[in-house]
Amino acid sequence: MATGALAISALATGAVAIGAVAIGVLAIRRVRILEARIDLLHIRELTVDRLTVLEK
């Protein structure tokens, strides 16, 4: 019976670890998406700056 309890405990620990990894992966993806958006905004700003200089 103790072996069964240990097995269940190990499974629960594994499930928690897998969940933590999944949450970490999602968080990294969100950060990358935000970084990409920031990069796009920066590119737009540079483009507007160049156009402004050309108009002068």
PDB file of N, CA and C in Angstrom:
ATOM      1  N   MET A   1       0.821  -1.193   0.000  1.00  0.00           N
ATOM      2  CA  MET A   1       0.000   0.000   0.000  1.00  0.00           C
ATOM      3  C   MET A   1       0.864   1.256   0.000  1.00  0.00           C
ATOM      4  N   ALA A   2       1.991   1.192   0.698  1.00  0.00           N
ATOM      5  CA  ALA A   2       2.905   2.333   0.726  1.00  0.00           C
ATOM      6  C   ALA A   2       3.481   2.588  -0.659  1.00  0.00           C
ATOM      7  N   THR A   3       3.719   1.524  -1.396  1.00  0.00           N
ATOM      8  CA  THR A   3       4.250   1.674  -2.753  1.00  0.00           C
ATOM      9  C   THR A   3       3.241   2.394  -3.646  1.00  0.00           C
ATOM     10  N   GLY A   4       1.971   2.070  -3.477  1.00  0.00           N
ATOM     11  CA  GLY A   4       0.917   2.735  -4.252  1.00  0.00           C
ATOM     12  C   GLY A   4       0.849   4.211  -3.928  1.00  0.00           C
ATOM     13  N   ALA A   5       0.978   4.541  -2.646  1.00  0.00           N
ATOM     14  CA  ALA A   5       0.949   5.953  -2.235  1.00  0.00           C
ATOM     15  C   ALA A   5       2.151   6.698  -2.808  1.00  0.00           C
ATOM     16  N   LEU A   6       3.305   6.040  -2.812  1.00  0.00           N
ATOM     17  CA  LEU A   6       4.501   6.661  -3.387  1.00  0.00           C
ATOM     18  C   LEU A   6       4.330   6.890  -4.889  1.00  0.00           C
ATOM     19  N   ALA A   7       3.729   5.918  -5.561  1.00  0.00           N
ATOM     20  CA  ALA A   7       3.510   6.048  -7.001  1.00  0.00           C
ATOM     21  C   ALA A   7       2.561   7.209  -7.300  1.00  0.00           C
ATOM     22  N   ILE A   8       1.494   7.325  -6.527  1.00  0.00           N
ATOM     23  CA  ILE A   8       0.533   8.419  -6.716  1.00  0.00           C
ATOM     24  C   ILE A   8       1.216   9.760  -6.437  1.00  0.00           C
ATOM     25  N   SER A   9       2.035   9.801  -5.399  1.00  0.00           N
ATOM     26  CA  SER A   9       2.758  11.029  -5.063  1.00  0.00           C
ATOM     27  C   SER A   9       3.715  11.415  -6.198  1.00  0.00           C
ATOM     28  N   ALA A  10       4.394  10.420  -6.748  1.00  0.00           N
ATOM     29  CA  ALA A  10       5.322  10.687  -7.851  1.00  0.00           C
ATOM     30  C   ALA A  10       4.573  11.202  -9.077  1.00  0.00           C
ATOM     31  N   LEU A  11       3.411  10.611  -9.355  1.00  0.00           N
ATOM     32  CA  LEU A  11       2.608  11.066 -10.495  1.00  0.00           C
ATOM     33  C   LEU A  11       2.141  12.503 -10.292  1.00  0.00           C
ATOM     34  N   ALA A  12       1.705  12.820  -9.076  1.00  0.00           N
ATOM     35  CA  ALA A  12       1.248  14.177  -8.783  1.00  0.00           C
ATOM     36  C   ALA A  12       2.396  15.167  -8.928  1.00  0.00           C
ATOM     37  N   THR A  13       3.564  14.793  -8.438  1.00  0.00           N
ATOM     38  CA  THR A  13       4.737  15.669  -8.552  1.00  0.00           C
ATOM     39  C   THR A  13       5.089  15.882 -10.020  1.00  0.00           C
ATOM     40  N   GLY A  14       5.039  14.825 -10.808  1.00  0.00           N
ATOM     41  CA  GLY A  14       5.320  14.929 -12.241  1.00  0.00           C
ATOM     42  C   GLY A  14       4.320  15.828 -12.946  1.00  0.00           C
ATOM     43  N   ALA A  15       3.052  15.710 -12.573  1.00  0.00           N
ATOM     44  CA  ALA A  15       2.016  16.544 -13.189  1.00  0.00           C
ATOM     45  C   ALA A  15       2.244  18.015 -12.865  1.00  0.00           C
ATOM     46  N   VAL A  16       2.634  18.284 -11.620  1.00  0.00           N
ATOM     47  CA  VAL A  16       2.905  19.668 -11.223  1.00  0.00           C
ATOM     48  C   VAL A  16       4.103  20.202 -12.006  1.00  0.00           C
ATOM     49  N   ALA A  17       5.138  19.381 -12.161  1.00  0.00           N
ATOM     50  CA  ALA A  17       6.327  19.807 -12.906  1.00  0.00           C
ATOM     51  C   ALA A  17       5.991  20.082 -14.367  1.00  0.00           C
ATOM     52  N   ILE A  18       5.202  19.210 -14.973  1.00  0.00           N
ATOM     53  CA  ILE A  18       4.803  19.404 -16.376  1.00  0.00           C
ATOM     54  C   ILE A  18       3.975  20.683 -16.512  1.00  0.00           C
ATOM     55  N   GLY A  19       3.076  20.916 -15.567  1.00  0.00           N
ATOM     56  CA  GLY A  19       2.269  22.143 -15.583  1.00  0.00           C
ATOM     57  C   GLY A  19       3.136  23.382 -15.468  1.00  0.00           C
ATOM     58  N   ALA A  20       4.144  23.327 -14.602  1.00  0.00           N
ATOM     59  CA  ALA A  20       5.039  24.475 -14.424  1.00  0.00           C
ATOM     60  C   ALA A  20       5.820  24.757 -15.704  1.00  0.00           C
ATOM     61  N   VAL A  21       6.269  23.705 -16.366  1.00  0.00           N
ATOM     62  CA  VAL A  21       7.004  23.881 -17.627  1.00  0.00           C
ATOM     63  C   VAL A  21       6.083  24.494 -18.681  1.00  0.00           C
ATOM     64  N   ALA A  22       4.859  24.007 -18.757  1.00  0.00           N
ATOM     65  CA  ALA A  22       3.911  24.541 -19.747  1.00  0.00           C
ATOM     66  C   ALA A  22       3.643  26.021 -19.499  1.00  0.00           C
ATOM     67  N   ILE A  23       3.460  26.391 -18.239  1.00  0.00           N
ATOM     68  CA  ILE A  23       3.227  27.801 -17.902  1.00  0.00           C
ATOM     69  C   ILE A  23       4.452  28.636 -18.270  1.00  0.00           C
ATOM     70  N   GLY A  24       5.640  28.095 -18.015  1.00  0.00           N
ATOM     71  CA  GLY A  24       6.868  28.800 -18.369  1.00  0.00           C
ATOM     72  C   GLY A  24       6.991  29.020 -19.866  1.00  0.00           C
ATOM     73  N   VAL A  25       6.647  27.999 -20.641  1.00  0.00           N
ATOM     74  CA  VAL A  25       6.711  28.112 -22.105  1.00  0.00           C
ATOM     75  C   VAL A  25       5.739  29.172 -22.596  1.00  0.00           C
ATOM     76  N   LEU A  26       4.529  29.180 -22.056  1.00  0.00           N
ATOM     77  CA  LEU A  26       3.538  30.185 -22.459  1.00  0.00           C
ATOM     78  C   LEU A  26       4.010  31.586 -22.102  1.00  0.00           C
ATOM     79  N   ALA A  27       4.617  31.726 -20.920  1.00  0.00           N
ATOM     80  CA  ALA A  27       5.113  33.040 -20.504  1.00  0.00           C
ATOM     81  C   ALA A  27       6.213  33.526 -21.440  1.00  0.00           C
ATOM     82  N   ILE A  28       7.109  32.618 -21.833  1.00  0.00           N
ATOM     83  CA  ILE A  28       8.195  32.993 -22.754  1.00  0.00           C
ATOM     84  C   ILE A  28       7.614  33.415 -24.102  1.00  0.00           C
ATOM     85  N   ARG A  29       6.603  32.693 -24.568  1.00  0.00           N
ATOM     86  CA  ARG A  29       5.977  33.058 -25.848  1.00  0.00           C
ATOM     87  C   ARG A  29       5.345  34.438 -25.770  1.00  0.00           C
ATOM     88  N   ARG A  30       4.675  34.734 -24.656  1.00  0.00           N
ATOM     89  CA  ARG A  30       4.051  36.055 -24.505  1.00  0.00           C
ATOM     90  C   ARG A  30       5.096  37.157 -24.516  1.00  0.00           C
ATOM     91  N   VAL A  31       6.208  36.914 -23.845  1.00  0.00           N
ATOM     92  CA  VAL A  31       7.284  37.913 -23.825  1.00  0.00           C
ATOM     93  C   VAL A  31       7.820  38.135 -25.236  1.00  0.00           C
ATOM     94  N   ARG A  32       7.999  37.051 -25.987  1.00  0.00           N
ATOM     95  CA  ARG A  32       8.507  37.182 -27.354  1.00  0.00           C
ATOM     96  C   ARG A  32       7.529  37.944 -28.242  1.00  0.00           C
ATOM     97  N   ILE A  33       6.239  37.692 -28.055  1.00  0.00           N
ATOM     98  CA  ILE A  33       5.230  38.415 -28.838  1.00  0.00           C
ATOM     99  C   ILE A  33       5.286  39.902 -28.503  1.00  0.00           C
ATOM    100  N   LEU A  34       5.415  40.211 -27.207  1.00  0.00           N
ATOM    101  CA  LEU A  34       5.508  41.618 -26.813  1.00  0.00           C
ATOM    102  C   LEU A  34       6.765  42.266 -27.377  1.00  0.00           C
ATOM    103  N   GLU A  35       7.878  41.546 -27.354  1.00  0.00           N
ATOM    104  CA  GLU A  35       9.120  42.078 -27.918  1.00  0.00           C
ATOM    105  C   GLU A  35       8.963  42.343 -29.408  1.00  0.00           C
ATOM    106  N   ALA A  36       8.291  41.443 -30.106  1.00  0.00           N
ATOM    107  CA  ALA A  36       8.074  41.627 -31.543  1.00  0.00           C
ATOM    108  C   ALA A  36       7.213  42.857 -31.802  1.00  0.00           C
ATOM    109  N   ARG A  37       6.199  43.065 -30.984  1.00  0.00           N
ATOM    110  CA  ARG A  37       5.340  44.247 -31.145  1.00  0.00           C
ATOM    111  C   ARG A  37       6.139  45.522 -30.897  1.00  0.00           C
ATOM    112  N   ILE A  38       6.982  45.498 -29.872  1.00  0.00           N
ATOM    113  CA  ILE A  38       7.805  46.667 -29.573  1.00  0.00           C
ATOM    114  C   ILE A  38       8.750  46.949 -30.738  1.00  0.00           C
ATOM    115  N   ASP A  39       9.329  45.888 -31.309  1.00  0.00           N
ATOM    116  CA  ASP A  39      10.212  46.054 -32.469  1.00  0.00           C
ATOM    117  C   ASP A  39       9.460  46.688 -33.636  1.00  0.00           C
ATOM    118  N   LEU A  40       8.231  46.236 -33.876  1.00  0.00           N
ATOM    119  CA  LEU A  40       7.442  46.807 -34.968  1.00  0.00           C
ATOM    120  C   LEU A  40       7.154  48.280 -34.723  1.00  0.00           C
ATOM    121  N   LEU A  41       6.830  48.629 -33.493  1.00  0.00           N
ATOM    122  CA  LEU A  41       6.575  50.039 -33.176  1.00  0.00           C
ATOM    123  C   LEU A  41       7.833  50.867 -33.393  1.00  0.00           C
ATOM    124  N   HIS A  42       8.968  50.313 -33.012  1.00  0.00           N
ATOM    125  CA  HIS A  42      10.231  51.026 -33.198  1.00  0.00           C
ATOM    126  C   HIS A  42      10.529  51.234 -34.682  1.00  0.00           C
ATOM    127  N   ILE A  43      10.277  50.214 -35.483  1.00  0.00           N
ATOM    128  CA  ILE A  43      10.492  50.328 -36.935  1.00  0.00           C
ATOM    129  C   ILE A  43       9.574  51.398 -37.514  1.00  0.00           C
ATOM    130  N   ARG A  44       8.336  51.427 -37.051  1.00  0.00           N
ATOM    131  CA  ARG A  44       7.396  52.453 -37.535  1.00  0.00           C
ATOM    132  C   ARG A  44       7.891  53.841 -37.175  1.00  0.00           C
ATOM    133  N   GLU A  45       8.386  54.002 -35.945  1.00  0.00           N
ATOM    134  CA  GLU A  45       8.894  55.309 -35.525  1.00  0.00           C
ATOM    135  C   GLU A  45      10.073  55.731 -36.392  1.00  0.00           C
ATOM    136  N   LEU A  46      10.978  54.803 -36.672  1.00  0.00           N
ATOM    137  CA  LEU A  46      12.132  55.130 -37.513  1.00  0.00           C
ATOM    138  C   LEU A  46      11.683  55.529 -38.913  1.00  0.00           C
ATOM    139  N   THR A  47      10.679  54.828 -39.433  1.00  0.00           N
ATOM    140  CA  THR A  47      10.168  55.135 -40.768  1.00  0.00           C
ATOM    141  C   THR A  47       9.568  56.532 -40.799  1.00  0.00           C
ATOM    142  N   VAL A  48       8.788  56.862 -39.778  1.00  0.00           N
ATOM    143  CA  VAL A  48       8.177  58.187 -39.700  1.00  0.00           C
ATOM    144  C   VAL A  48       9.258  59.253 -39.583  1.00  0.00           C
ATOM    145  N   ASP A  49      10.282  58.974 -38.782  1.00  0.00           N
ATOM    146  CA  ASP A  49      11.388  59.928 -38.642  1.00  0.00           C
ATOM    147  C   ASP A  49      12.077  60.161 -39.978  1.00  0.00           C
ATOM    148  N   ARG A  50      12.320  59.108 -40.734  1.00  0.00           N
ATOM    149  CA  ARG A  50      12.983  59.227 -42.043  1.00  0.00           C
ATOM    150  C   ARG A  50      12.113  60.020 -43.020  1.00  0.00           C
ATOM    151  N   LEU A  51      10.817  59.747 -43.021  1.00  0.00           N
ATOM    152  CA  LEU A  51       9.921  60.468 -43.900  1.00  0.00           C
ATOM    153  C   LEU A  51       9.878  61.952 -43.545  1.00  0.00           C
ATOM    154  N   THR A  52       9.907  62.237 -42.255  1.00  0.00           N
ATOM    155  CA  THR A  52       9.895  63.631 -41.802  1.00  0.00           C
ATOM    156  C   THR A  52      11.154  64.343 -42.265  1.00  0.00           C
ATOM    157  N   VAL A  53      12.282  63.670 -42.161  1.00  0.00           N
ATOM    158  CA  VAL A  53      13.551  64.268 -42.611  1.00  0.00           C
ATOM    159  C   VAL A  53      13.527  64.496 -44.116  1.00  0.00           C
ATOM    160  N   LEU A  54      12.974  63.542 -44.867  1.00  0.00           N
ATOM    161  CA  LEU A  54      12.925  63.677 -46.327  1.00  0.00           C
ATOM    162  C   LEU A  54      12.007  64.834 -46.754  1.00  0.00           C
ATOM    163  N   GLU A  55      10.938  65.046 -45.984  1.00  0.00           N
ATOM    164  CA  GLU A  55      10.006  66.113 -46.339  1.00  0.00           C
ATOM    165  C   GLU A  55      10.634  67.505 -46.123  1.00  0.00           C
ATOM    166  N   LYS A  56      11.536  67.593 -45.163  1.00  0.00           N
ATOM    167  CA  LYS A  56      12.172  68.880 -44.875  1.00  0.00           C
ATOM    168  C   LYS A  56      13.141  69.185 -45.970  1.00  0.00           C
TER     169      LYS A  56
END
